[in-house]
Structure formats: structure tokens, C-alpha cells
Amino acid sequence: LVFVANTGLEDAQTLSSVFRHAKAAADTGRLREVVVLVYGRAIAAFDGESSRRPPELLERIRDARDAGVRILLCANALASSGIARESVDPAPTEIVPHAIGTLVEYVARGAAVIRY
């Protein structure tokens, strides 16, 4: 199951829901893999230099990661947002070259996609 996050900090509640729902899906134990693919404006949630990120959002991200959710960040989105890899926080599972290519791979393998 792939949750696609591209909503920005302007809607932190929706962005937080992505990670809360992904954790809930992982907690069922019924899925082989649960992924949150982060790109576009959502990448700002991982800018460790930003003071705009709500603490509750960071907690949801860490909770999801700790529950086994794979959190994948788009390298292109990081670069276009001016976020250095060294300042990414919380740490993702992986930084992928580009989100769309990764999404296509998951869909080709039969993954269901939920977009926020």
C-alpha cells in the first residue's frame, strides 16, 4: 500500500493524517509493505532547518517510521526546495531519485495507491 504525500505545511492536518493512516495500516499486520512516498510541497515536513513544522506532525512521522512504514523522499523535491540531504529530519527510510518513477514501480507490482 502506497500513501502519496504531496500536500504542504499549509495543510499540516492533512499531511499529518497521511502518516497516522499509514501507521494504522502497518499496525494491522495484514500488509506486506506500507510506504509513504513524499514529494512536492510535502517535502517541507522533512526540512530540519524549518521552524514552521508542527511538533505533532514530526511525532506522526516518527510514529509511522517506528511502526515499520517505509518513508521515501524524492531527491528532486529536496533539491528543488533547497533542502540539503544533511538537514533532512526526521530520517527517512530512503531518498529515491524521483518520486514518479518510484510510484510507477510500485503500481507495476500491483500496489494500491492512496493520495493526499
PDB file of N, CA and C in Angstrom:
ATOM      1  N   LEU A   1       0.855  -1.168   0.000  1.00  0.00           N
ATOM      2  CA  LEU A   1       0.000   0.000   0.000  1.00  0.00           C
ATOM      3  C   LEU A   1       0.896   1.225   0.000  1.00  0.00           C
ATOM      4  N   VAL A   2       0.668   2.137  -0.925  1.00  0.00           N
ATOM      5  CA  VAL A   2       1.479   3.350  -1.033  1.00  0.00           C
ATOM      6  C   VAL A   2       0.602   4.568  -0.762  1.00  0.00           C
ATOM      7  N   PHE A   3       0.989   5.323   0.254  1.00  0.00           N
ATOM      8  CA  PHE A   3       0.366   6.609   0.543  1.00  0.00           C
ATOM      9  C   PHE A   3       1.233   7.668  -0.123  1.00  0.00           C
ATOM     10  N   VAL A   4       0.631   8.512  -0.937  1.00  0.00           N
ATOM     11  CA  VAL A   4       1.368   9.570  -1.626  1.00  0.00           C
ATOM     12  C   VAL A   4       1.091  10.885  -0.916  1.00  0.00           C
ATOM     13  N   ALA A   5       2.165  11.510  -0.428  1.00  0.00           N
ATOM     14  CA  ALA A   5       2.041  12.789   0.274  1.00  0.00           C
ATOM     15  C   ALA A   5       2.644  13.890  -0.578  1.00  0.00           C
ATOM     16  N   ASN A   6       1.805  14.817  -1.028  1.00  0.00           N
ATOM     17  CA  ASN A   6       2.337  15.998  -1.717  1.00  0.00           C
ATOM     18  C   ASN A   6       1.642  17.278  -1.271  1.00  0.00           C
ATOM     19  N   THR A   7       0.880  17.191  -0.182  1.00  0.00           N
ATOM     20  CA  THR A   7       0.266  18.365   0.439  1.00  0.00           C
ATOM     21  C   THR A   7       1.298  19.036   1.329  1.00  0.00           C
ATOM     22  N   GLY A   8       1.358  20.347   1.297  1.00  0.00           N
ATOM     23  CA  GLY A   8       2.382  21.067   2.049  1.00  0.00           C
ATOM     24  C   GLY A   8       1.994  21.413   3.469  1.00  0.00           C
ATOM     25  N   LEU A   9       2.884  22.148   4.115  1.00  0.00           N
ATOM     26  CA  LEU A   9       2.673  22.554   5.505  1.00  0.00           C
ATOM     27  C   LEU A   9       1.474  23.481   5.669  1.00  0.00           C
ATOM     28  N   GLU A  10       0.985  24.063   4.567  1.00  0.00           N
ATOM     29  CA  GLU A  10      -0.205  24.916   4.661  1.00  0.00           C
ATOM     30  C   GLU A  10      -1.424  24.101   5.102  1.00  0.00           C
ATOM     31  N   ASP A  11      -1.351  22.777   4.932  1.00  0.00           N
ATOM     32  CA  ASP A  11      -2.411  21.890   5.409  1.00  0.00           C
ATOM     33  C   ASP A  11      -1.766  20.787   6.246  1.00  0.00           C
ATOM     34  N   ALA A  12      -1.187  21.193   7.360  1.00  0.00           N
ATOM     35  CA  ALA A  12      -0.441  20.265   8.222  1.00  0.00           C
ATOM     36  C   ALA A  12      -1.327  19.148   8.760  1.00  0.00           C
ATOM     37  N   GLN A  13      -2.621  19.428   8.944  1.00  0.00           N
ATOM     38  CA  GLN A  13      -3.517  18.398   9.459  1.00  0.00           C
ATOM     39  C   GLN A  13      -3.647  17.249   8.460  1.00  0.00           C
ATOM     40  N   THR A  14      -3.839  17.573   7.182  1.00  0.00           N
ATOM     41  CA  THR A  14      -3.924  16.531   6.159  1.00  0.00           C
ATOM     42  C   THR A  14      -2.600  15.797   6.044  1.00  0.00           C
ATOM     43  N   LEU A  15      -1.509  16.543   6.054  1.00  0.00           N
ATOM     44  CA  LEU A  15      -0.187  15.932   5.949  1.00  0.00           C
ATOM     45  C   LEU A  15       0.059  14.986   7.127  1.00  0.00           C
ATOM     46  N   SER A  16      -0.335  15.394   8.304  1.00  0.00           N
ATOM     47  CA  SER A  16      -0.201  14.548   9.492  1.00  0.00           C
ATOM     48  C   SER A  16      -1.040  13.277   9.353  1.00  0.00           C
ATOM     49  N   SER A  17      -2.215  13.412   8.742  1.00  0.00           N
ATOM     50  CA  SER A  17      -3.104  12.259   8.555  1.00  0.00           C
ATOM     51  C   SER A  17      -2.473  11.184   7.687  1.00  0.00           C
ATOM     52  N   VAL A  18      -1.676  11.587   6.712  1.00  0.00           N
ATOM     53  CA  VAL A  18      -1.001  10.608   5.850  1.00  0.00           C
ATOM     54  C   VAL A  18      -0.220   9.625   6.722  1.00  0.00           C
ATOM     55  N   PHE A  19       0.572  10.160   7.628  1.00  0.00           N
ATOM     56  CA  PHE A  19       1.436   9.321   8.454  1.00  0.00           C
ATOM     57  C   PHE A  19       0.641   8.558   9.513  1.00  0.00           C
ATOM     58  N   ARG A  20      -0.402   9.167  10.037  1.00  0.00           N
ATOM     59  CA  ARG A  20      -1.263   8.490  11.015  1.00  0.00           C
ATOM     60  C   ARG A  20      -1.973   7.306  10.365  1.00  0.00           C
ATOM     61  N   HIS A  21      -2.486   7.517   9.157  1.00  0.00           N
ATOM     62  CA  HIS A  21      -3.187   6.447   8.451  1.00  0.00           C
ATOM     63  C   HIS A  21      -2.227   5.345   8.008  1.00  0.00           C
ATOM     64  N   ALA A  22      -1.029   5.729   7.575  1.00  0.00           N
ATOM     65  CA  ALA A  22      -0.031   4.727   7.181  1.00  0.00           C
ATOM     66  C   ALA A  22       0.348   3.856   8.378  1.00  0.00           C
ATOM     67  N   LYS A  23       0.526   4.473   9.528  1.00  0.00           N
ATOM     68  CA  LYS A  23       0.839   3.713  10.746  1.00  0.00           C
ATOM     69  C   LYS A  23      -0.297   2.753  11.076  1.00  0.00           C
ATOM     70  N   ALA A  24      -1.529   3.237  10.985  1.00  0.00           N
ATOM     71  CA  ALA A  24      -2.686   2.381  11.271  1.00  0.00           C
ATOM     72  C   ALA A  24      -2.717   1.187  10.318  1.00  0.00           C
ATOM     73  N   ALA A  25      -2.403   1.422   9.056  1.00  0.00           N
ATOM     74  CA  ALA A  25      -2.367   0.332   8.074  1.00  0.00           C
ATOM     75  C   ALA A  25      -1.275  -0.673   8.430  1.00  0.00           C
ATOM     76  N   ALA A  26      -0.104  -0.169   8.801  1.00  0.00           N
ATOM     77  CA  ALA A  26       1.001  -1.058   9.175  1.00  0.00           C
ATOM     78  C   ALA A  26       0.661  -1.851  10.431  1.00  0.00           C
ATOM     79  N   ASP A  27      -0.005  -1.202  11.365  1.00  0.00           N
ATOM     80  CA  ASP A  27      -0.346  -1.848  12.637  1.00  0.00           C
ATOM     81  C   ASP A  27      -1.307  -3.026  12.474  1.00  0.00           C
ATOM     82  N   THR A  28      -2.040  -3.083  11.357  1.00  0.00           N
ATOM     83  CA  THR A  28      -2.953  -4.214  11.156  1.00  0.00           C
ATOM     84  C   THR A  28      -2.191  -5.520  10.985  1.00  0.00           C
ATOM     85  N   GLY A  29      -0.955  -5.423  10.482  1.00  0.00           N
ATOM     86  CA  GLY A  29      -0.170  -6.622  10.242  1.00  0.00           C
ATOM     87  C   GLY A  29      -0.625  -7.419   9.034  1.00  0.00           C
ATOM     88  N   ARG A  30      -1.554  -6.897   8.277  1.00  0.00           N
ATOM     89  CA  ARG A  30      -2.120  -7.626   7.137  1.00  0.00           C
ATOM     90  C   ARG A  30      -1.453  -7.289   5.815  1.00  0.00           C
ATOM     91  N   LEU A  31      -0.593  -6.276   5.810  1.00  0.00           N
ATOM     92  CA  LEU A  31       0.026  -5.835   4.561  1.00  0.00           C
ATOM     93  C   LEU A  31       1.512  -6.180   4.547  1.00  0.00           C
ATOM     94  N   ARG A  32       1.988  -6.580   3.388  1.00  0.00           N
ATOM     95  CA  ARG A  32       3.400  -6.913   3.230  1.00  0.00           C
ATOM     96  C   ARG A  32       4.270  -5.682   3.369  1.00  0.00           C
ATOM     97  N   GLU A  33       3.793  -4.551   2.846  1.00  0.00           N
ATOM     98  CA  GLU A  33       4.587  -3.321   2.870  1.00  0.00           C
ATOM     99  C   GLU A  33       3.656  -2.111   2.885  1.00  0.00           C
ATOM    100  N   VAL A  34       3.998  -1.130   3.713  1.00  0.00           N
ATOM    101  CA  VAL A  34       3.288   0.148   3.737  1.00  0.00           C
ATOM    102  C   VAL A  34       4.334   1.226   3.518  1.00  0.00           C
ATOM    103  N   VAL A  35       4.062   2.093   2.541  1.00  0.00           N
ATOM    104  CA  VAL A  35       5.019   3.121   2.126  1.00  0.00           C
ATOM    105  C   VAL A  35       4.340   4.479   2.146  1.00  0.00           C
ATOM    106  N   VAL A  36       5.083   5.503   2.573  1.00  0.00           N
ATOM    107  CA  VAL A  36       4.664   6.882   2.343  1.00  0.00           C
ATOM    108  C   VAL A  36       5.696   7.473   1.398  1.00  0.00           C
ATOM    109  N   LEU A  37       5.245   7.873   0.224  1.00  0.00           N
ATOM    110  CA  LEU A  37       6.098   8.484  -0.791  1.00  0.00           C
ATOM    111  C   LEU A  37       5.890   9.994  -0.728  1.00  0.00           C
ATOM    112  N   VAL A  38       6.952  10.718  -0.392  1.00  0.00           N
ATOM    113  CA  VAL A  38       6.858  12.155  -0.126  1.00  0.00           C
ATOM    114  C   VAL A  38       7.524  12.936  -1.254  1.00  0.00           C
ATOM    115  N   TYR A  39       6.757  13.862  -1.842  1.00  0.00           N
ATOM    116  CA  TYR A  39       7.337  14.755  -2.854  1.00  0.00           C
ATOM    117  C   TYR A  39       6.530  16.040  -2.901  1.00  0.00           C
ATOM    118  N   GLY A  40       6.895  16.922  -3.816  1.00  0.00           N
ATOM    119  CA  GLY A  40       6.189  18.200  -3.939  1.00  0.00           C
ATOM    120  C   GLY A  40       6.297  19.009  -2.660  1.00  0.00           C
ATOM    121  N   ARG A  41       5.232  19.716  -2.332  1.00  0.00           N
ATOM    122  CA  ARG A  41       5.233  20.591  -1.149  1.00  0.00           C
ATOM    123  C   ARG A  41       5.389  19.828   0.163  1.00  0.00           C
ATOM    124  N   ALA A  42       5.034  18.550   0.173  1.00  0.00           N
ATOM    125  CA  ALA A  42       5.130  17.753   1.405  1.00  0.00           C
ATOM    126  C   ALA A  42       6.569  17.582   1.877  1.00  0.00           C
ATOM    127  N   ILE A  43       7.517  17.765   0.985  1.00  0.00           N
ATOM    128  CA  ILE A  43       8.925  17.589   1.352  1.00  0.00           C
ATOM    129  C   ILE A  43       9.335  18.561   2.459  1.00  0.00           C
ATOM    130  N   ALA A  44       8.624  19.678   2.589  1.00  0.00           N
ATOM    131  CA  ALA A  44       8.938  20.672   3.628  1.00  0.00           C
ATOM    132  C   ALA A  44       8.814  20.093   5.034  1.00  0.00           C
ATOM    133  N   ALA A  45       8.050  19.025   5.189  1.00  0.00           N
ATOM    134  CA  ALA A  45       7.904  18.387   6.501  1.00  0.00           C
ATOM    135  C   ALA A  45       9.216  17.782   6.985  1.00  0.00           C
ATOM    136  N   PHE A  46      10.158  17.602   6.077  1.00  0.00           N
ATOM    137  CA  PHE A  46      11.437  16.971   6.414  1.00  0.00           C
ATOM    138  C   PHE A  46      12.595  17.961   6.413  1.00  0.00           C
ATOM    139  N   ASP A  47      12.281  19.248   6.348  1.00  0.00           N
ATOM    140  CA  ASP A  47      13.317  20.288   6.382  1.00  0.00           C
ATOM    141  C   ASP A  47      13.704  20.564   7.830  1.00  0.00           C
ATOM    142  N   GLY A  48      14.792  19.962   8.274  1.00  0.00           N
ATOM    143  CA  GLY A  48      15.244  20.103   9.651  1.00  0.00           C
ATOM    144  C   GLY A  48      15.622  21.514  10.040  1.00  0.00           C
ATOM    145  N   GLU A  49      15.767  22.404   9.051  1.00  0.00           N
ATOM    146  CA  GLU A  49      16.112  23.805   9.313  1.00  0.00           C
ATOM    147  C   GLU A  49      14.867  24.676   9.498  1.00  0.00           C
ATOM    148  N   SER A  50      13.690  24.109   9.242  1.00  0.00           N
ATOM    149  CA  SER A  50      12.450  24.889   9.281  1.00  0.00           C
ATOM    150  C   SER A  50      11.836  24.912  10.678  1.00  0.00           C
ATOM    151  N   SER A  51      11.388  26.085  11.077  1.00  0.00           N
ATOM    152  CA  SER A  51      10.678  26.212  12.354  1.00  0.00           C
ATOM    153  C   SER A  51       9.162  26.177  12.145  1.00  0.00           C
ATOM    154  N   ARG A  52       8.727  26.025  10.889  1.00  0.00           N
ATOM    155  CA  ARG A  52       7.295  26.032  10.563  1.00  0.00           C
ATOM    156  C   ARG A  52       6.627  24.676  10.777  1.00  0.00           C
ATOM    157  N   ARG A  53       7.396  23.650  11.032  1.00  0.00           N
ATOM    158  CA  ARG A  53       6.831  22.302  11.135  1.00  0.00           C
ATOM    159  C   ARG A  53       6.198  22.086  12.508  1.00  0.00           C
ATOM    160  N   PRO A  54       4.917  21.747  12.554  1.00  0.00           N
ATOM    161  CA  PRO A  54       4.262  21.498  13.836  1.00  0.00           C
ATOM    162  C   PRO A  54       4.864  20.265  14.526  1.00  0.00           C
ATOM    163  N   PRO A  55       5.100  20.335  15.824  1.00  0.00           N
ATOM    164  CA  PRO A  55       5.658  19.187  16.551  1.00  0.00           C
ATOM    165  C   PRO A  55       4.811  17.921  16.406  1.00  0.00           C
ATOM    166  N   GLU A  56       3.485  18.084  16.317  1.00  0.00           N
ATOM    167  CA  GLU A  56       2.602  16.925  16.170  1.00  0.00           C
ATOM    168  C   GLU A  56       2.874  16.192  14.860  1.00  0.00           C
ATOM    169  N   LEU A  57       3.187  16.937  13.804  1.00  0.00           N
ATOM    170  CA  LEU A  57       3.491  16.325  12.513  1.00  0.00           C
ATOM    171  C   LEU A  57       4.758  15.483  12.624  1.00  0.00           C
ATOM    172  N   LEU A  58       5.780  16.031  13.246  1.00  0.00           N
ATOM    173  CA  LEU A  58       7.032  15.293  13.409  1.00  0.00           C
ATOM    174  C   LEU A  58       6.809  14.023  14.223  1.00  0.00           C
ATOM    175  N   GLU A  59       5.957  14.116  15.225  1.00  0.00           N
ATOM    176  CA  GLU A  59       5.637  12.941  16.045  1.00  0.00           C
ATOM    177  C   GLU A  59       4.946  11.873  15.209  1.00  0.00           C
ATOM    178  N   ARG A  60       4.014  12.274  14.354  1.00  0.00           N
ATOM    179  CA  ARG A  60       3.302  11.314  13.487  1.00  0.00           C
ATOM    180  C   ARG A  60       4.272  10.638  12.518  1.00  0.00           C
ATOM    181  N   ILE A  61       5.205  11.416  11.966  1.00  0.00           N
ATOM    182  CA  ILE A  61       6.191  10.845  11.039  1.00  0.00           C
ATOM    183  C   ILE A  61       7.026   9.791  11.763  1.00  0.00           C
ATOM    184  N   ARG A  62       7.521  10.133  12.935  1.00  0.00           N
ATOM    185  CA  ARG A  62       8.357   9.193  13.704  1.00  0.00           C
ATOM    186  C   ARG A  62       7.554   7.959  14.129  1.00  0.00           C
ATOM    187  N   ASP A  63       6.304   8.155  14.522  1.00  0.00           N
ATOM    188  CA  ASP A  63       5.451   7.021  14.911  1.00  0.00           C
ATOM    189  C   ASP A  63       5.272   6.056  13.742  1.00  0.00           C
ATOM    190  N   ALA A  64       5.026   6.604  12.551  1.00  0.00           N
ATOM    191  CA  ALA A  64       4.844   5.764  11.365  1.00  0.00           C
ATOM    192  C   ALA A  64       6.126   4.995  11.065  1.00  0.00           C
ATOM    193  N   ARG A  65       7.235   5.702  11.069  1.00  0.00           N
ATOM    194  CA  ARG A  65       8.526   5.059  10.786  1.00  0.00           C
ATOM    195  C   ARG A  65       8.798   3.952  11.807  1.00  0.00           C
ATOM    196  N   ASP A  66       8.534   4.234  13.080  1.00  0.00           N
ATOM    197  CA  ASP A  66       8.780   3.247  14.134  1.00  0.00           C
ATOM    198  C   ASP A  66       7.859   2.031  14.025  1.00  0.00           C
ATOM    199  N   ALA A  67       6.710   2.206  13.370  1.00  0.00           N
ATOM    200  CA  ALA A  67       5.767   1.102  13.162  1.00  0.00           C
ATOM    201  C   ALA A  67       6.125   0.265  11.939  1.00  0.00           C
ATOM    202  N   GLY A  68       7.206   0.634  11.242  1.00  0.00           N
ATOM    203  CA  GLY A  68       7.639  -0.131  10.080  1.00  0.00           C
ATOM    204  C   GLY A  68       7.226   0.443   8.742  1.00  0.00           C
ATOM    205  N   VAL A  69       6.599   1.609   8.741  1.00  0.00           N
ATOM    206  CA  VAL A  69       6.237   2.259   7.479  1.00  0.00           C
ATOM    207  C   VAL A  69       7.519   2.734   6.801  1.00  0.00           C
ATOM    208  N   ARG A  70       7.656   2.402   5.528  1.00  0.00           N
ATOM    209  CA  ARG A  70       8.816   2.874   4.750  1.00  0.00           C
ATOM    210  C   ARG A  70       8.516   4.297   4.284  1.00  0.00           C
ATOM    211  N   ILE A  71       9.369   5.229   4.645  1.00  0.00           N
ATOM    212  CA  ILE A  71       9.184   6.625   4.261  1.00  0.00           C
ATOM    213  C   ILE A  71      10.220   6.961   3.205  1.00  0.00           C
ATOM    214  N   LEU A  72       9.734   7.257   1.997  1.00  0.00           N
ATOM    215  CA  LEU A  72      10.601   7.532   0.857  1.00  0.00           C
ATOM    216  C   LEU A  72      10.478   8.995   0.462  1.00  0.00           C
ATOM    217  N   LEU A  73      11.606   9.682   0.398  1.00  0.00           N
ATOM    218  CA  LEU A  73      11.625  11.087  -0.009  1.00  0.00           C
ATOM    219  C   LEU A  73      12.178  11.200  -1.415  1.00  0.00           C
ATOM    220  N   CYS A  74      11.635  12.144  -2.180  1.00  0.00           N
ATOM    221  CA  CYS A  74      12.067  12.400  -3.549  1.00  0.00           C
ATOM    222  C   CYS A  74      13.283  13.327  -3.550  1.00  0.00           C
ATOM    223  N   ALA A  75      14.389  12.863  -4.131  1.00  0.00           N
ATOM    224  CA  ALA A  75      15.609  13.677  -4.212  1.00  0.00           C
ATOM    225  C   ALA A  75      15.375  14.932  -5.040  1.00  0.00           C
ATOM    226  N   ASN A  76      14.585  14.822  -6.108  1.00  0.00           N
ATOM    227  CA  ASN A  76      14.292  16.000  -6.935  1.00  0.00           C
ATOM    228  C   ASN A  76      13.547  17.058  -6.128  1.00  0.00           C
ATOM    229  N   ALA A  77      12.593  16.633  -5.310  1.00  0.00           N
ATOM    230  CA  ALA A  77      11.828  17.580  -4.489  1.00  0.00           C
ATOM    231  C   ALA A  77      12.721  18.232  -3.441  1.00  0.00           C
ATOM    232  N   LEU A  78      13.620  17.459  -2.845  1.00  0.00           N
ATOM    233  CA  LEU A  78      14.566  18.040  -1.887  1.00  0.00           C
ATOM    234  C   LEU A  78      15.394  19.129  -2.562  1.00  0.00           C
ATOM    235  N   ALA A  79      15.935  18.802  -3.733  1.00  0.00           N
ATOM    236  CA  ALA A  79      16.790  19.752  -4.455  1.00  0.00           C
ATOM    237  C   ALA A  79      16.013  20.995  -4.867  1.00  0.00           C
ATOM    238  N   SER A  80      14.817  20.811  -5.407  1.00  0.00           N
ATOM    239  CA  SER A  80      14.058  21.975  -5.878  1.00  0.00           C
ATOM    240  C   SER A  80      13.570  22.843  -4.721  1.00  0.00           C
ATOM    241  N   SER A  81      13.477  22.256  -3.524  1.00  0.00           N
ATOM    242  CA  SER A  81      13.079  23.026  -2.341  1.00  0.00           C
ATOM    243  C   SER A  81      14.276  23.592  -1.588  1.00  0.00           C
ATOM    244  N   GLY A  82      15.470  23.274  -2.062  1.00  0.00           N
ATOM    245  CA  GLY A  82      16.679  23.786  -1.417  1.00  0.00           C
ATOM    246  C   GLY A  82      16.979  23.137  -0.076  1.00  0.00           C
ATOM    247  N   ILE A  83      16.533  21.908   0.107  1.00  0.00           N
ATOM    248  CA  ILE A  83      16.779  21.192   1.363  1.00  0.00           C
ATOM    249  C   ILE A  83      17.975  20.268   1.164  1.00  0.00           C
ATOM    250  N   ALA A  84      19.021  20.500   1.930  1.00  0.00           N
ATOM    251  CA  ALA A  84      20.212  19.655   1.854  1.00  0.00           C
ATOM    252  C   ALA A  84      19.925  18.308   2.509  1.00  0.00           C
ATOM    253  N   ARG A  85      20.466  17.247   1.926  1.00  0.00           N
ATOM    254  CA  ARG A  85      20.261  15.908   2.493  1.00  0.00           C
ATOM    255  C   ARG A  85      20.708  15.839   3.949  1.00  0.00           C
ATOM    256  N   GLU A  86      21.738  16.598   4.278  1.00  0.00           N
ATOM    257  CA  GLU A  86      22.271  16.581   5.645  1.00  0.00           C
ATOM    258  C   GLU A  86      21.290  17.180   6.654  1.00  0.00           C
ATOM    259  N   SER A  87      20.368  18.006   6.192  1.00  0.00           N
ATOM    260  CA  SER A  87      19.432  18.649   7.123  1.00  0.00           C
ATOM    261  C   SER A  87      18.072  17.951   7.175  1.00  0.00           C
ATOM    262  N   VAL A  88      17.933  16.827   6.479  1.00  0.00           N
ATOM    263  CA  VAL A  88      16.666  16.092   6.482  1.00  0.00           C
ATOM    264  C   VAL A  88      16.408  15.523   7.879  1.00  0.00           C
ATOM    265  N   ASP A  89      15.218  15.812   8.398  1.00  0.00           N
ATOM    266  CA  ASP A  89      14.810  15.339   9.717  1.00  0.00           C
ATOM    267  C   ASP A  89      13.281  15.362   9.790  1.00  0.00           C
ATOM    268  N   PRO A  90      12.659  14.293  10.224  1.00  0.00           N
ATOM    269  CA  PRO A  90      13.189  13.017  10.669  1.00  0.00           C
ATOM    270  C   PRO A  90      13.814  12.232   9.513  1.00  0.00           C
ATOM    271  N   ALA A  91      14.692  11.299   9.859  1.00  0.00           N
ATOM    272  CA  ALA A  91      15.369  10.498   8.837  1.00  0.00           C
ATOM    273  C   ALA A  91      14.364   9.595   8.125  1.00  0.00           C
ATOM    274  N   PRO A  92      14.392   9.599   6.790  1.00  0.00           N
ATOM    275  CA  PRO A  92      13.510   8.706   6.036  1.00  0.00           C
ATOM    276  C   PRO A  92      14.120   7.306   5.945  1.00  0.00           C
ATOM    277  N   THR A  93      13.360   6.377   5.428  1.00  0.00           N
ATOM    278  CA  THR A  93      13.885   5.051   5.140  1.00  0.00           C
ATOM    279  C   THR A  93      14.861   5.140   3.983  1.00  0.00           C
ATOM    280  N   GLU A  94      14.498   5.980   2.990  1.00  0.00           N
ATOM    281  CA  GLU A  94      15.321   6.085   1.781  1.00  0.00           C
ATOM    282  C   GLU A  94      15.005   7.391   1.063  1.00  0.00           C
ATOM    283  N   ILE A  95      16.006   7.907   0.357  1.00  0.00           N
ATOM    284  CA  ILE A  95      15.800   9.028  -0.564  1.00  0.00           C
ATOM    285  C   ILE A  95      15.902   8.435  -1.961  1.00  0.00           C
ATOM    286  N   VAL A  96      14.805   8.529  -2.712  1.00  0.00           N
ATOM    287  CA  VAL A  96      14.754   7.957  -4.060  1.00  0.00           C
ATOM    288  C   VAL A  96      15.046   9.049  -5.082  1.00  0.00           C
ATOM    289  N   PRO A  97      15.581   8.685  -6.257  1.00  0.00           N
ATOM    290  CA  PRO A  97      15.935   9.704  -7.256  1.00  0.00           C
ATOM    291  C   PRO A  97      14.756  10.583  -7.667  1.00  0.00           C
ATOM    292  N   HIS A  98      13.611   9.955  -7.976  1.00  0.00           N
ATOM    293  CA  HIS A  98      12.417  10.729  -8.329  1.00  0.00           C
ATOM    294  C   HIS A  98      11.169   9.944  -7.948  1.00  0.00           C
ATOM    295  N   ALA A  99      10.211  10.648  -7.387  1.00  0.00           N
ATOM    296  CA  ALA A  99       9.017  10.015  -6.824  1.00  0.00           C
ATOM    297  C   ALA A  99       8.165   9.316  -7.875  1.00  0.00           C
ATOM    298  N   ILE A 100       8.004   9.939  -9.027  1.00  0.00           N
ATOM    299  CA  ILE A 100       7.098   9.357 -10.024  1.00  0.00           C
ATOM    300  C   ILE A 100       7.617   8.016 -10.522  1.00  0.00           C
ATOM    301  N   GLY A 101       8.908   7.925 -10.785  1.00  0.00           N
ATOM    302  CA  GLY A 101       9.489   6.645 -11.199  1.00  0.00           C
ATOM    303  C   GLY A 101       9.272   5.571 -10.142  1.00  0.00           C
ATOM    304  N   THR A 102       9.433   5.945  -8.889  1.00  0.00           N
ATOM    305  CA  THR A 102       9.223   5.010  -7.785  1.00  0.00           C
ATOM    306  C   THR A 102       7.755   4.601  -7.703  1.00  0.00           C
ATOM    307  N   LEU A 103       6.857   5.564  -7.858  1.00  0.00           N
ATOM    308  CA  LEU A 103       5.427   5.266  -7.829  1.00  0.00           C
ATOM    309  C   LEU A 103       5.052   4.308  -8.961  1.00  0.00           C
ATOM    310  N   VAL A 104       5.585   4.532 -10.146  1.00  0.00           N
ATOM    311  CA  VAL A 104       5.320   3.652 -11.290  1.00  0.00           C
ATOM    312  C   VAL A 104       5.767   2.224 -10.975  1.00  0.00           C
ATOM    313  N   GLU A 105       6.927   2.083 -10.341  1.00  0.00           N
ATOM    314  CA  GLU A 105       7.415   0.746  -9.979  1.00  0.00           C
ATOM    315  C   GLU A 105       6.447   0.047  -9.026  1.00  0.00           C
ATOM    316  N   TYR A 106       5.963   0.768  -8.029  1.00  0.00           N
ATOM    317  CA  TYR A 106       5.016   0.170  -7.086  1.00  0.00           C
ATOM    318  C   TYR A 106       3.714  -0.212  -7.781  1.00  0.00           C
ATOM    319  N   VAL A 107       3.193   0.655  -8.626  1.00  0.00           N
ATOM    320  CA  VAL A 107       1.941   0.369  -9.334  1.00  0.00           C
ATOM    321  C   VAL A 107       2.116  -0.836 -10.257  1.00  0.00           C
ATOM    322  N   ALA A 108       3.259  -0.920 -10.931  1.00  0.00           N
ATOM    323  CA  ALA A 108       3.523  -2.049 -11.825  1.00  0.00           C
ATOM    324  C   ALA A 108       3.555  -3.372 -11.060  1.00  0.00           C
ATOM    325  N   ARG A 109       3.896  -3.317  -9.780  1.00  0.00           N
ATOM    326  CA  ARG A 109       3.916  -4.526  -8.945  1.00  0.00           C
ATOM    327  C   ARG A 109       2.570  -4.774  -8.274  1.00  0.00           C
ATOM    328  N   GLY A 110       1.564  -3.936  -8.580  1.00  0.00           N
ATOM    329  CA  GLY A 110       0.211  -4.169  -8.083  1.00  0.00           C
ATOM    330  C   GLY A 110      -0.161  -3.439  -6.808  1.00  0.00           C
ATOM    331  N   ALA A 111       0.635  -2.475  -6.395  1.00  0.00           N
ATOM    332  CA  ALA A 111       0.332  -1.740  -5.161  1.00  0.00           C
ATOM    333  C   ALA A 111      -0.898  -0.853  -5.333  1.00  0.00           C
ATOM    334  N   ALA A 112      -1.673  -0.753  -4.269  1.00  0.00           N
ATOM    335  CA  ALA A 112      -2.761   0.220  -4.220  1.00  0.00           C
ATOM    336  C   ALA A 112      -2.163   1.554  -3.794  1.00  0.00           C
ATOM    337  N   VAL A 113      -2.733   2.651  -4.303  1.00  0.00           N
ATOM    338  CA  VAL A 113      -2.201   3.988  -4.036  1.00  0.00           C
ATOM    339  C   VAL A 113      -3.296   4.847  -3.412  1.00  0.00           C
ATOM    340  N   ILE A 114      -2.936   5.543  -2.326  1.00  0.00           N
ATOM    341  CA  ILE A 114      -3.837   6.496  -1.682  1.00  0.00           C
ATOM    342  C   ILE A 114      -3.135   7.838  -1.696  1.00  0.00           C
ATOM    343  N   ARG A 115      -3.772   8.833  -2.289  1.00  0.00           N
ATOM    344  CA  ARG A 115      -3.153  10.154  -2.455  1.00  0.00           C
ATOM    345  C   ARG A 115      -3.749  11.166  -1.483  1.00  0.00           C
ATOM    346  N   TYR A 116      -2.872  11.974  -0.901  1.00  0.00           N
ATOM    347  CA  TYR A 116      -3.293  13.049  -0.001  1.00  0.00           C
ATOM    348  C   TYR A 116      -2.823  14.369  -0.564  1.00  0.00           C
TER     349      TYR A 116
END
